[in-house]
Structures are given as C-alpha cells and as structure tokens.
Amino acid sequence: MQYRFGTISKESIIVTNIPDQFLDITTLVCPMTFVRTKLAVERMHSGQTIEVRMNFGEPSRNVPASLREHGYIVADPQPENPASPEGVQRLLVKKP
C-alpha cells in the first residue's frame, strides 16, 4: 500500500516502506481511539511511522484531524479493502 502524506511545508512526502509500528484500534470507541493512538505516537522517535487500523466513520475523521492539530504528519486514511471503502481504514502517521 502506498501512502501520500498531506502537504507539509510546501512538500509532499510519499512513503512506500513498512511502518515502524502498528496499532489496531478497531475495538475502541472515541475518545479512546485518539487517546490510544496519541500515546503510541508519543512513544515513537522522531521520523518513525505508525500504521493505525481503525473503523470508518467517526474514528477515520477524528483521529487524523486531532493528530494533525497536535503537529503530527498524517496521511489520509485508506480503505483496507478497496472494494469496501466504508470498511476498516488504515492511517499512516509520522512523528516529526
């Protein structure tokens, strides 16, 4: 899967390698989806990435937006299964 990060300082970043960490928050509900994700990102080193598996809907809207507000570099969520765009989503986050 290829991710395209949003524009940060007038440059786009494309990541094609394997993330440093993985987090599945599909069993959680807001606000724990964001809390668990933020805690995981805070433990990472600068430059590391984490792939977050989450449900479509509220988590796929709120978690990326909240992480961006906290200064993290966040790719747009991608459906785990392209045939089911409203199913489980995958999100890539990079710690600056």
PDB file of N, CA and C in Angstrom:
ATOM      1  N   MET A   1       0.845  -1.166   0.000  1.00  0.00           N
ATOM      2  CA  MET A   1       0.000   0.000   0.000  1.00  0.00           C
ATOM      3  C   MET A   1       0.897   1.238   0.000  1.00  0.00           C
ATOM      4  N   GLN A   2       0.555   2.221  -0.785  1.00  0.00           N
ATOM      5  CA  GLN A   2       1.339   3.448  -0.851  1.00  0.00           C
ATOM      6  C   GLN A   2       0.526   4.580  -0.242  1.00  0.00           C
ATOM      7  N   TYR A   3       1.159   5.349   0.609  1.00  0.00           N
ATOM      8  CA  TYR A   3       0.505   6.467   1.260  1.00  0.00           C
ATOM      9  C   TYR A   3       1.068   7.768   0.719  1.00  0.00           C
ATOM     10  N   ARG A   4       0.235   8.771   0.640  1.00  0.00           N
ATOM     11  CA  ARG A   4       0.710  10.105   0.293  1.00  0.00           C
ATOM     12  C   ARG A   4       0.335  11.013   1.461  1.00  0.00           C
ATOM     13  N   PHE A   5       1.369  11.566   2.088  1.00  0.00           N
ATOM     14  CA  PHE A   5       1.124  12.488   3.179  1.00  0.00           C
ATOM     15  C   PHE A   5       0.637  13.803   2.613  1.00  0.00           C
ATOM     16  N   GLY A   6      -0.108  14.545   3.406  1.00  0.00           N
ATOM     17  CA  GLY A   6      -0.564  15.867   3.007  1.00  0.00           C
ATOM     18  C   GLY A   6       0.614  16.810   2.855  1.00  0.00           C
ATOM     19  N   THR A   7       0.347  17.965   2.319  1.00  0.00           N
ATOM     20  CA  THR A   7       1.404  18.940   2.099  1.00  0.00           C
ATOM     21  C   THR A   7       1.889  19.490   3.427  1.00  0.00           C
ATOM     22  N   ILE A   8       3.166  19.368   3.672  1.00  0.00           N
ATOM     23  CA  ILE A   8       3.803  19.876   4.876  1.00  0.00           C
ATOM     24  C   ILE A   8       4.945  20.775   4.413  1.00  0.00           C
ATOM     25  N   SER A   9       4.904  22.025   4.779  1.00  0.00           N
ATOM     26  CA  SER A   9       5.949  22.973   4.383  1.00  0.00           C
ATOM     27  C   SER A   9       6.188  22.946   2.866  1.00  0.00           C
ATOM     28  N   LYS A  10       5.097  22.959   2.118  1.00  0.00           N
ATOM     29  CA  LYS A  10       5.122  23.018   0.651  1.00  0.00           C
ATOM     30  C   LYS A  10       5.787  21.815   0.000  1.00  0.00           C
ATOM     31  N   GLU A  11       5.801  20.672   0.662  1.00  0.00           N
ATOM     32  CA  GLU A  11       6.352  19.464   0.043  1.00  0.00           C
ATOM     33  C   GLU A  11       5.462  18.279   0.387  1.00  0.00           C
ATOM     34  N   SER A  12       5.359  17.351  -0.531  1.00  0.00           N
ATOM     35  CA  SER A  12       4.618  16.127  -0.281  1.00  0.00           C
ATOM     36  C   SER A  12       5.598  15.013   0.017  1.00  0.00           C
ATOM     37  N   ILE A  13       5.210  14.153   0.914  1.00  0.00           N
ATOM     38  CA  ILE A  13       6.064  13.039   1.290  1.00  0.00           C
ATOM     39  C   ILE A  13       5.339  11.756   0.913  1.00  0.00           C
ATOM     40  N   ILE A  14       6.004  10.878   0.179  1.00  0.00           N
ATOM     41  CA  ILE A  14       5.419   9.594  -0.166  1.00  0.00           C
ATOM     42  C   ILE A  14       6.197   8.512   0.569  1.00  0.00           C
ATOM     43  N   VAL A  15       5.471   7.634   1.231  1.00  0.00           N
ATOM     44  CA  VAL A  15       6.093   6.564   1.992  1.00  0.00           C
ATOM     45  C   VAL A  15       5.660   5.235   1.388  1.00  0.00           C
ATOM     46  N   THR A  16       6.611   4.403   1.020  1.00  0.00           N
ATOM     47  CA  THR A  16       6.280   3.097   0.453  1.00  0.00           C
ATOM     48  C   THR A  16       6.854   1.964   1.291  1.00  0.00           C
ATOM     49  N   ASN A  17       7.604   2.284   2.342  1.00  0.00           N
ATOM     50  CA  ASN A  17       8.221   1.238   3.146  1.00  0.00           C
ATOM     51  C   ASN A  17       7.286   0.764   4.256  1.00  0.00           C
ATOM     52  N   ILE A  18       7.730  -0.208   4.992  1.00  0.00           N
ATOM     53  CA  ILE A  18       6.935  -0.774   6.080  1.00  0.00           C
ATOM     54  C   ILE A  18       6.987   0.158   7.283  1.00  0.00           C
ATOM     55  N   PRO A  19       5.835   0.457   7.896  1.00  0.00           N
ATOM     56  CA  PRO A  19       5.834   1.329   9.080  1.00  0.00           C
ATOM     57  C   PRO A  19       6.654   0.721  10.224  1.00  0.00           C
ATOM     58  N   ASP A  20       7.139   1.585  11.105  1.00  0.00           N
ATOM     59  CA  ASP A  20       7.915   1.127  12.258  1.00  0.00           C
ATOM     60  C   ASP A  20       7.038   0.431  13.291  1.00  0.00           C
ATOM     61  N   GLN A  21       5.780   0.844  13.398  1.00  0.00           N
ATOM     62  CA  GLN A  21       4.867   0.270  14.387  1.00  0.00           C
ATOM     63  C   GLN A  21       3.487   0.088  13.780  1.00  0.00           C
ATOM     64  N   PHE A  22       2.675  -0.712  14.454  1.00  0.00           N
ATOM     65  CA  PHE A  22       1.307  -0.978  14.021  1.00  0.00           C
ATOM     66  C   PHE A  22       0.396  -0.920  15.232  1.00  0.00           C
ATOM     67  N   LEU A  23      -0.787  -0.323  15.060  1.00  0.00           N
ATOM     68  CA  LEU A  23      -1.763  -0.221  16.147  1.00  0.00           C
ATOM     69  C   LEU A  23      -3.151  -0.506  15.587  1.00  0.00           C
ATOM     70  N   ASP A  24      -3.884  -1.401  16.222  1.00  0.00           N
ATOM     71  CA  ASP A  24      -5.258  -1.717  15.822  1.00  0.00           C
ATOM     72  C   ASP A  24      -6.210  -1.141  16.872  1.00  0.00           C
ATOM     73  N   ILE A  25      -7.024  -0.166  16.455  1.00  0.00           N
ATOM     74  CA  ILE A  25      -7.987   0.452  17.392  1.00  0.00           C
ATOM     75  C   ILE A  25      -9.429   0.185  16.958  1.00  0.00           C
ATOM     76  N   THR A  26      -9.632  -0.881  16.192  1.00  0.00           N
ATOM     77  CA  THR A  26     -10.973  -1.179  15.686  1.00  0.00           C
ATOM     78  C   THR A  26     -11.949  -1.575  16.791  1.00  0.00           C
ATOM     79  N   THR A  27     -11.464  -2.001  17.939  1.00  0.00           N
ATOM     80  CA  THR A  27     -12.363  -2.403  19.024  1.00  0.00           C
ATOM     81  C   THR A  27     -12.664  -1.261  19.988  1.00  0.00           C
ATOM     82  N   LEU A  28     -12.053  -0.090  19.747  1.00  0.00           N
ATOM     83  CA  LEU A  28     -12.219   1.047  20.653  1.00  0.00           C
ATOM     84  C   LEU A  28     -13.227   2.053  20.107  1.00  0.00           C
ATOM     85  N   VAL A  29     -13.746   2.893  20.987  1.00  0.00           N
ATOM     86  CA  VAL A  29     -14.641   3.983  20.592  1.00  0.00           C
ATOM     87  C   VAL A  29     -14.022   5.304  21.044  1.00  0.00           C
ATOM     88  N   CYS A  30     -14.464   6.375  20.405  1.00  0.00           N
ATOM     89  CA  CYS A  30     -13.978   7.710  20.762  1.00  0.00           C
ATOM     90  C   CYS A  30     -14.380   8.018  22.205  1.00  0.00           C
ATOM     91  N   PRO A  31     -13.529   8.647  22.971  1.00  0.00           N
ATOM     92  CA  PRO A  31     -12.262   9.271  22.627  1.00  0.00           C
ATOM     93  C   PRO A  31     -11.059   8.335  22.755  1.00  0.00           C
ATOM     94  N   MET A  32     -11.270   7.079  23.127  1.00  0.00           N
ATOM     95  CA  MET A  32     -10.140   6.176  23.333  1.00  0.00           C
ATOM     96  C   MET A  32      -9.380   5.884  22.039  1.00  0.00           C
ATOM     97  N   THR A  33     -10.038   6.018  20.887  1.00  0.00           N
ATOM     98  CA  THR A  33      -9.326   5.807  19.631  1.00  0.00           C
ATOM     99  C   THR A  33      -8.181   6.811  19.511  1.00  0.00           C
ATOM    100  N   PHE A  34      -8.456   8.065  19.810  1.00  0.00           N
ATOM    101  CA  PHE A  34      -7.418   9.093  19.733  1.00  0.00           C
ATOM    102  C   PHE A  34      -6.417   8.946  20.875  1.00  0.00           C
ATOM    103  N   VAL A  35      -6.887   8.703  22.073  1.00  0.00           N
ATOM    104  CA  VAL A  35      -6.003   8.592  23.233  1.00  0.00           C
ATOM    105  C   VAL A  35      -4.976   7.488  23.013  1.00  0.00           C
ATOM    106  N   ARG A  36      -5.414   6.322  22.608  1.00  0.00           N
ATOM    107  CA  ARG A  36      -4.508   5.192  22.395  1.00  0.00           C
ATOM    108  C   ARG A  36      -3.508   5.489  21.274  1.00  0.00           C
ATOM    109  N   THR A  37      -3.997   6.132  20.203  1.00  0.00           N
ATOM    110  CA  THR A  37      -3.117   6.477  19.084  1.00  0.00           C
ATOM    111  C   THR A  37      -2.086   7.512  19.499  1.00  0.00           C
ATOM    112  N   LYS A  38      -2.517   8.545  20.196  1.00  0.00           N
ATOM    113  CA  LYS A  38      -1.596   9.603  20.618  1.00  0.00           C
ATOM    114  C   LYS A  38      -0.524   9.049  21.562  1.00  0.00           C
ATOM    115  N   LEU A  39      -0.909   8.179  22.482  1.00  0.00           N
ATOM    116  CA  LEU A  39       0.069   7.573  23.385  1.00  0.00           C
ATOM    117  C   LEU A  39       1.116   6.770  22.604  1.00  0.00           C
ATOM    118  N   ALA A  40       0.671   6.042  21.598  1.00  0.00           N
ATOM    119  CA  ALA A  40       1.603   5.240  20.795  1.00  0.00           C
ATOM    120  C   ALA A  40       2.566   6.144  20.020  1.00  0.00           C
ATOM    121  N   VAL A  41       2.047   7.226  19.448  1.00  0.00           N
ATOM    122  CA  VAL A  41       2.897   8.141  18.673  1.00  0.00           C
ATOM    123  C   VAL A  41       3.879   8.868  19.589  1.00  0.00           C
ATOM    124  N   GLU A  42       3.446   9.228  20.786  1.00  0.00           N
ATOM    125  CA  GLU A  42       4.338   9.919  21.723  1.00  0.00           C
ATOM    126  C   GLU A  42       5.537   9.062  22.117  1.00  0.00           C
ATOM    127  N   ARG A  43       5.385   7.734  22.118  1.00  0.00           N
ATOM    128  CA  ARG A  43       6.472   6.829  22.481  1.00  0.00           C
ATOM    129  C   ARG A  43       7.471   6.609  21.344  1.00  0.00           C
ATOM    130  N   MET A  44       7.121   7.052  20.140  1.00  0.00           N
ATOM    131  CA  MET A  44       7.994   6.841  18.985  1.00  0.00           C
ATOM    132  C   MET A  44       9.106   7.886  18.958  1.00  0.00           C
ATOM    133  N   HIS A  45      10.153   7.579  18.193  1.00  0.00           N
ATOM    134  CA  HIS A  45      11.238   8.524  17.958  1.00  0.00           C
ATOM    135  C   HIS A  45      10.892   9.396  16.750  1.00  0.00           C
ATOM    136  N   SER A  46      11.492  10.562  16.682  1.00  0.00           N
ATOM    137  CA  SER A  46      11.295  11.459  15.550  1.00  0.00           C
ATOM    138  C   SER A  46      11.644  10.735  14.246  1.00  0.00           C
ATOM    139  N   GLY A  47      10.781  10.881  13.248  1.00  0.00           N
ATOM    140  CA  GLY A  47      10.996  10.249  11.952  1.00  0.00           C
ATOM    141  C   GLY A  47      10.364   8.883  11.804  1.00  0.00           C
ATOM    142  N   GLN A  48       9.935   8.280  12.905  1.00  0.00           N
ATOM    143  CA  GLN A  48       9.299   6.963  12.824  1.00  0.00           C
ATOM    144  C   GLN A  48       7.849   7.100  12.375  1.00  0.00           C
ATOM    145  N   THR A  49       7.328   6.003  11.819  1.00  0.00           N
ATOM    146  CA  THR A  49       5.941   5.969  11.369  1.00  0.00           C
ATOM    147  C   THR A  49       5.183   4.852  12.072  1.00  0.00           C
ATOM    148  N   ILE A  50       3.870   5.048  12.147  1.00  0.00           N
ATOM    149  CA  ILE A  50       2.985   4.028  12.705  1.00  0.00           C
ATOM    150  C   ILE A  50       1.776   3.901  11.787  1.00  0.00           C
ATOM    151  N   GLU A  51       1.372   2.676  11.535  1.00  0.00           N
ATOM    152  CA  GLU A  51       0.157   2.435  10.778  1.00  0.00           C
ATOM    153  C   GLU A  51      -0.947   2.107  11.779  1.00  0.00           C
ATOM    154  N   VAL A  52      -2.057   2.817  11.664  1.00  0.00           N
ATOM    155  CA  VAL A  52      -3.176   2.646  12.589  1.00  0.00           C
ATOM    156  C   VAL A  52      -4.354   2.069  11.820  1.00  0.00           C
ATOM    157  N   ARG A  53      -4.871   0.962  12.314  1.00  0.00           N
ATOM    158  CA  ARG A  53      -6.046   0.303  11.722  1.00  0.00           C
ATOM    159  C   ARG A  53      -7.261   0.751  12.523  1.00  0.00           C
ATOM    160  N   MET A  54      -8.249   1.348  11.837  1.00  0.00           N
ATOM    161  CA  MET A  54      -9.421   1.904  12.530  1.00  0.00           C
ATOM    162  C   MET A  54     -10.680   1.701  11.702  1.00  0.00           C
ATOM    163  N   ASN A  55     -11.810   1.866  12.353  1.00  0.00           N
ATOM    164  CA  ASN A  55     -13.090   1.753  11.665  1.00  0.00           C
ATOM    165  C   ASN A  55     -13.386   3.020  10.874  1.00  0.00           C
ATOM    166  N   PHE A  56     -14.194   2.870   9.831  1.00  0.00           N
ATOM    167  CA  PHE A  56     -14.657   4.007   9.032  1.00  0.00           C
ATOM    168  C   PHE A  56     -15.633   4.822   9.886  1.00  0.00           C
ATOM    169  N   GLY A  57     -15.759   6.080   9.575  1.00  0.00           N
ATOM    170  CA  GLY A  57     -16.714   6.940  10.275  1.00  0.00           C
ATOM    171  C   GLY A  57     -16.014   7.866  11.241  1.00  0.00           C
ATOM    172  N   GLU A  58     -16.545   7.935  12.447  1.00  0.00           N
ATOM    173  CA  GLU A  58     -16.019   8.871  13.440  1.00  0.00           C
ATOM    174  C   GLU A  58     -14.512   8.724  13.676  1.00  0.00           C
ATOM    175  N   PRO A  59     -13.986   7.513  13.906  1.00  0.00           N
ATOM    176  CA  PRO A  59     -12.538   7.399  14.110  1.00  0.00           C
ATOM    177  C   PRO A  59     -11.727   7.857  12.895  1.00  0.00           C
ATOM    178  N   SER A  60     -12.166   7.523  11.688  1.00  0.00           N
ATOM    179  CA  SER A  60     -11.385   7.879  10.498  1.00  0.00           C
ATOM    180  C   SER A  60     -11.468   9.368  10.177  1.00  0.00           C
ATOM    181  N   ARG A  61     -12.407  10.074  10.785  1.00  0.00           N
ATOM    182  CA  ARG A  61     -12.464  11.539  10.654  1.00  0.00           C
ATOM    183  C   ARG A  61     -11.723  12.215  11.799  1.00  0.00           C
ATOM    184  N   ASN A  62     -11.984  11.780  13.026  1.00  0.00           N
ATOM    185  CA  ASN A  62     -11.475  12.485  14.202  1.00  0.00           C
ATOM    186  C   ASN A  62     -10.013  12.210  14.535  1.00  0.00           C
ATOM    187  N   VAL A  63      -9.576  10.969  14.420  1.00  0.00           N
ATOM    188  CA  VAL A  63      -8.192  10.639  14.784  1.00  0.00           C
ATOM    189  C   VAL A  63      -7.195  11.389  13.898  1.00  0.00           C
ATOM    190  N   PRO A  64      -7.340  11.362  12.558  1.00  0.00           N
ATOM    191  CA  PRO A  64      -6.383  12.110  11.735  1.00  0.00           C
ATOM    192  C   PRO A  64      -6.412  13.617  12.020  1.00  0.00           C
ATOM    193  N   ALA A  65      -7.604  14.177  12.164  1.00  0.00           N
ATOM    194  CA  ALA A  65      -7.720  15.618  12.415  1.00  0.00           C
ATOM    195  C   ALA A  65      -7.067  16.002  13.735  1.00  0.00           C
ATOM    196  N   SER A  66      -7.292  15.211  14.770  1.00  0.00           N
ATOM    197  CA  SER A  66      -6.710  15.508  16.083  1.00  0.00           C
ATOM    198  C   SER A  66      -5.197  15.364  16.069  1.00  0.00           C
ATOM    199  N   LEU A  67      -4.688  14.356  15.371  1.00  0.00           N
ATOM    200  CA  LEU A  67      -3.234  14.184  15.278  1.00  0.00           C
ATOM    201  C   LEU A  67      -2.593  15.351  14.533  1.00  0.00           C
ATOM    202  N   ARG A  68      -3.240  15.811  13.465  1.00  0.00           N
ATOM    203  CA  ARG A  68      -2.714  16.972  12.726  1.00  0.00           C
ATOM    204  C   ARG A  68      -2.679  18.205  13.627  1.00  0.00           C
ATOM    205  N   GLU A  69      -3.730  18.395  14.435  1.00  0.00           N
ATOM    206  CA  GLU A  69      -3.772  19.535  15.351  1.00  0.00           C
ATOM    207  C   GLU A  69      -2.630  19.488  16.362  1.00  0.00           C
ATOM    208  N   HIS A  70      -2.144  18.290  16.677  1.00  0.00           N
ATOM    209  CA  HIS A  70      -1.039  18.129  17.616  1.00  0.00           C
ATOM    210  C   HIS A  70       0.324  18.143  16.923  1.00  0.00           C
ATOM    211  N   GLY A  71       0.340  18.423  15.616  1.00  0.00           N
ATOM    212  CA  GLY A  71       1.599  18.605  14.907  1.00  0.00           C
ATOM    213  C   GLY A  71       2.198  17.380  14.257  1.00  0.00           C
ATOM    214  N   TYR A  72       1.469  16.280  14.228  1.00  0.00           N
ATOM    215  CA  TYR A  72       1.983  15.071  13.587  1.00  0.00           C
ATOM    216  C   TYR A  72       1.687  15.115  12.089  1.00  0.00           C
ATOM    217  N   ILE A  73       2.493  14.407  11.301  1.00  0.00           N
ATOM    218  CA  ILE A  73       2.303  14.328   9.857  1.00  0.00           C
ATOM    219  C   ILE A  73       1.421  13.122   9.587  1.00  0.00           C
ATOM    220  N   VAL A  74       0.283  13.354   8.943  1.00  0.00           N
ATOM    221  CA  VAL A  74      -0.735  12.314   8.818  1.00  0.00           C
ATOM    222  C   VAL A  74      -1.170  12.161   7.358  1.00  0.00           C
ATOM    223  N   ALA A  75      -1.142  10.929   6.861  1.00  0.00           N
ATOM    224  CA  ALA A  75      -1.672  10.627   5.528  1.00  0.00           C
ATOM    225  C   ALA A  75      -3.189  10.487   5.636  1.00  0.00           C
ATOM    226  N   ASP A  76      -3.861  10.661   4.533  1.00  0.00           N
ATOM    227  CA  ASP A  76      -5.303  10.448   4.531  1.00  0.00           C
ATOM    228  C   ASP A  76      -5.589   8.961   4.741  1.00  0.00           C
ATOM    229  N   PRO A  77      -6.644   8.631   5.510  1.00  0.00           N
ATOM    230  CA  PRO A  77      -6.977   7.215   5.718  1.00  0.00           C
ATOM    231  C   PRO A  77      -7.271   6.519   4.387  1.00  0.00           C
ATOM    232  N   GLN A  78      -6.837   5.273   4.282  1.00  0.00           N
ATOM    233  CA  GLN A  78      -7.063   4.460   3.089  1.00  0.00           C
ATOM    234  C   GLN A  78      -7.866   3.231   3.481  1.00  0.00           C
ATOM    235  N   PRO A  79      -8.838   2.819   2.646  1.00  0.00           N
ATOM    236  CA  PRO A  79      -9.586   1.598   2.978  1.00  0.00           C
ATOM    237  C   PRO A  79      -8.672   0.376   2.927  1.00  0.00           C
ATOM    238  N   GLU A  80      -8.838  -0.477   3.921  1.00  0.00           N
ATOM    239  CA  GLU A  80      -8.055  -1.713   3.956  1.00  0.00           C
ATOM    240  C   GLU A  80      -8.386  -2.583   2.749  1.00  0.00           C
ATOM    241  N   ASN A  81      -9.650  -2.586   2.383  1.00  0.00           N
ATOM    242  CA  ASN A  81     -10.130  -3.328   1.222  1.00  0.00           C
ATOM    243  C   ASN A  81     -10.751  -2.311   0.260  1.00  0.00           C
ATOM    244  N   PRO A  82     -10.102  -2.016  -0.865  1.00  0.00           N
ATOM    245  CA  PRO A  82     -10.626  -1.014  -1.792  1.00  0.00           C
ATOM    246  C   PRO A  82     -12.054  -1.294  -2.272  1.00  0.00           C
ATOM    247  N   ALA A  83     -12.473  -2.555  -2.255  1.00  0.00           N
ATOM    248  CA  ALA A  83     -13.832  -2.898  -2.662  1.00  0.00           C
ATOM    249  C   ALA A  83     -14.860  -2.512  -1.600  1.00  0.00           C
ATOM    250  N   SER A  84     -14.389  -2.190  -0.399  1.00  0.00           N
ATOM    251  CA  SER A  84     -15.266  -1.814   0.707  1.00  0.00           C
ATOM    252  C   SER A  84     -14.770  -0.502   1.328  1.00  0.00           C
ATOM    253  N   PRO A  85     -14.969   0.633   0.638  1.00  0.00           N
ATOM    254  CA  PRO A  85     -14.409   1.905   1.107  1.00  0.00           C
ATOM    255  C   PRO A  85     -14.949   2.382   2.446  1.00  0.00           C
ATOM    256  N   GLU A  86     -16.066   1.841   2.894  1.00  0.00           N
ATOM    257  CA  GLU A  86     -16.614   2.235   4.193  1.00  0.00           C
ATOM    258  C   GLU A  86     -16.340   1.186   5.265  1.00  0.00           C
ATOM    259  N   GLY A  87     -15.354   0.339   5.018  1.00  0.00           N
ATOM    260  CA  GLY A  87     -14.952  -0.672   5.988  1.00  0.00           C
ATOM    261  C   GLY A  87     -13.790  -0.167   6.824  1.00  0.00           C
ATOM    262  N   VAL A  88     -12.953  -1.073   7.257  1.00  0.00           N
ATOM    263  CA  VAL A  88     -11.789  -0.733   8.074  1.00  0.00           C
ATOM    264  C   VAL A  88     -10.831   0.134   7.268  1.00  0.00           C
ATOM    265  N   GLN A  89     -10.282   1.147   7.924  1.00  0.00           N
ATOM    266  CA  GLN A  89      -9.355   2.096   7.305  1.00  0.00           C
ATOM    267  C   GLN A  89      -7.962   1.914   7.883  1.00  0.00           C
ATOM    268  N   ARG A  90      -6.962   2.295   7.111  1.00  0.00           N
ATOM    269  CA  ARG A  90      -5.573   2.299   7.580  1.00  0.00           C
ATOM    270  C   ARG A  90      -5.039   3.711   7.439  1.00  0.00           C
ATOM    271  N   LEU A  91      -4.356   4.147   8.477  1.00  0.00           N
ATOM    272  CA  LEU A  91      -3.846   5.502   8.548  1.00  0.00           C
ATOM    273  C   LEU A  91      -2.360   5.451   8.865  1.00  0.00           C
ATOM    274  N   LEU A  92      -1.562   6.250   8.181  1.00  0.00           N
ATOM    275  CA  LEU A  92      -0.142   6.300   8.447  1.00  0.00           C
ATOM    276  C   LEU A  92       0.192   7.643   9.079  1.00  0.00           C
ATOM    277  N   VAL A  93       0.933   7.588  10.186  1.00  0.00           N
ATOM    278  CA  VAL A  93       1.295   8.793  10.944  1.00  0.00           C
ATOM    279  C   VAL A  93       2.805   8.808  11.100  1.00  0.00           C
ATOM    280  N   LYS A  94       3.393   9.979  10.903  1.00  0.00           N
ATOM    281  CA  LYS A  94       4.829  10.163  11.078  1.00  0.00           C
ATOM    282  C   LYS A  94       5.079  11.190  12.162  1.00  0.00           C
ATOM    283  N   LYS A  95       5.983  10.850  13.070  1.00  0.00           N
ATOM    284  CA  LYS A  95       6.341  11.791  14.125  1.00  0.00           C
ATOM    285  C   LYS A  95       7.444  12.710  13.586  1.00  0.00           C
ATOM    286  N   PRO A  96       7.210  14.027  13.597  1.00  0.00           N
ATOM    287  CA  PRO A  96       8.222  14.957  13.066  1.00  0.00           C
ATOM    288  C   PRO A  96       9.486  14.981  13.915  1.00  0.00           C
TER     289      PRO A  96
END
